[in-house]
């Protein structure tokens, strides 16, 4: 998601992560498909009884990617989620402290 979000400033700083001839829309489409793969992976973790904290971490990253990609689609290239939006996403996957390894 950062490749899409930061593409303009990256180019200004001499960093090019999207090859010539590849549209931003193609990269966005690829990233959206990757979130579907991530969801399937998370389901496999759950079905195989992986620790809840590992599953929650993966879920959070997937939700973060989906939220960022959605924001990029709706609001443009330099858009990003607010801290409050990130906090709310984190709350949706929070693992009770008694289940977290210390």
Protein backbone atom coordinates (compact mmCIF):
# COMPACT_ATOMS: atom_id res chain seq x y z
CA UNK A 1 0.00 0.00 0.00
CA UNK A 2 2.87 2.40 0.69
CA UNK A 3 4.11 1.97 -2.88
CA UNK A 4 0.79 3.34 -4.09
CA UNK A 5 0.36 5.93 -1.34
CA UNK A 6 3.87 7.35 -1.66
CA UNK A 7 4.44 6.96 -5.42
CA UNK A 8 4.50 10.67 -6.18
CA UNK A 9 6.95 11.62 -3.42
CA UNK A 10 9.06 8.53 -4.14
CA UNK A 11 9.56 9.64 -7.75
CA UNK A 12 10.54 13.13 -6.58
CA UNK A 13 13.18 11.52 -4.36
CA UNK A 14 14.52 9.26 -7.11
CA UNK A 15 12.78 6.07 -5.92
CA UNK A 16 10.69 4.30 -8.53
CA UNK A 17 8.81 1.19 -7.43
CA UNK A 18 6.17 1.08 -10.19
CA UNK A 19 7.82 0.17 -13.50
CA UNK A 20 7.21 2.21 -16.64
CA UNK A 21 4.20 0.96 -18.52
CA UNK A 22 2.44 -0.36 -15.41
CA UNK A 23 -0.53 1.73 -14.38
CA UNK A 24 -1.31 2.70 -10.85
CA UNK A 25 -4.70 1.03 -11.35
CA UNK A 26 -3.01 -2.27 -12.23
CA UNK A 27 -0.95 -2.14 -9.03
CA UNK A 28 -4.06 -1.27 -7.03
CA UNK A 29 -5.94 -4.19 -8.56
CA UNK A 30 -3.07 -6.55 -7.74
CA UNK A 31 -2.98 -5.29 -4.15
CA UNK A 32 -6.73 -5.79 -3.76
CA UNK A 33 -6.43 -9.37 -5.00
CA UNK A 34 -3.58 -9.93 -2.55
CA UNK A 35 -5.87 -8.99 0.35
CA UNK A 36 -8.17 -11.82 -0.71
CA UNK A 37 -5.19 -14.20 -0.60
CA UNK A 38 -4.34 -12.84 2.85
CA UNK A 39 -7.87 -13.56 4.08
CA UNK A 40 -7.62 -17.16 2.87
CA UNK A 41 -4.26 -17.49 4.64
CA UNK A 42 -5.75 -16.15 7.87
CA UNK A 43 -8.60 -18.66 7.62
CA UNK A 44 -6.03 -21.43 7.25
CA UNK A 45 -4.25 -20.20 10.38
CA UNK A 46 -7.51 -20.27 12.30
CA UNK A 47 -8.47 -23.72 11.01
CA UNK A 48 -5.09 -25.05 12.11
CA UNK A 49 -5.36 -23.61 15.62
CA UNK A 50 -2.56 -21.10 15.37
CA UNK A 51 -2.15 -18.91 18.46
CA UNK A 52 -4.73 -16.14 18.70
CA UNK A 53 -2.08 -13.40 18.83
CA UNK A 54 -0.56 -14.52 15.53
CA UNK A 55 -3.99 -14.66 13.89
CA UNK A 56 -4.88 -11.23 15.29
CA UNK A 57 -1.62 -9.74 14.00
CA UNK A 58 -2.30 -11.07 10.49
CA UNK A 59 -5.92 -9.88 10.64
CA UNK A 60 -4.81 -6.41 11.67
CA UNK A 61 -2.34 -6.14 8.79
CA UNK A 62 -4.99 -7.32 6.34
CA UNK A 63 -7.55 -4.83 7.66
CA UNK A 64 -4.94 -2.08 7.53
CA UNK A 65 -4.17 -2.91 3.90
CA UNK A 66 -7.85 -3.04 2.95
CA UNK A 67 -8.54 0.26 4.68
CA UNK A 68 -5.59 1.97 3.06
CA UNK A 69 -6.44 0.62 -0.39
CA UNK A 70 -10.04 1.74 0.03
CA UNK A 71 -8.88 5.20 1.05
CA UNK A 72 -6.53 5.39 -1.93
CA UNK A 73 -9.41 4.47 -4.24
CA UNK A 74 -11.78 7.02 -2.79
CA UNK A 75 -9.53 9.93 -1.87
CA UNK A 76 -6.44 9.74 -4.03
CA UNK A 77 -2.76 8.98 -3.96
CA UNK A 78 -1.47 10.59 -0.79
CA UNK A 79 -4.44 9.59 1.35
CA UNK A 80 -3.96 7.53 4.45
CA UNK A 81 -5.95 6.29 7.40
CA UNK A 82 -6.13 8.47 10.47
CA UNK A 83 -4.65 7.33 13.78
CA UNK A 84 -8.18 6.95 15.09
CA UNK A 85 -9.15 4.70 12.17
CA UNK A 86 -6.05 2.57 12.77
CA UNK A 87 -6.88 2.36 16.48
CA UNK A 88 -10.42 1.20 15.68
CA UNK A 89 -9.07 -1.47 13.32
CA UNK A 90 -6.70 -2.66 16.02
CA UNK A 91 -9.56 -2.88 18.51
CA UNK A 92 -11.48 -5.20 16.17
CA UNK A 93 -8.72 -7.81 16.37
CA UNK A 94 -7.47 -7.21 19.91
CA UNK A 95 -6.58 -10.40 21.77
CA UNK A 96 -7.42 -10.52 25.48
CA UNK A 97 -4.20 -10.00 27.43
CA UNK A 98 -4.51 -13.41 29.09
CA UNK A 99 -4.05 -15.04 25.66
CA UNK A 100 -1.01 -13.06 24.61
CA UNK A 101 2.45 -14.54 25.09
CA UNK A 102 4.76 -12.32 27.11
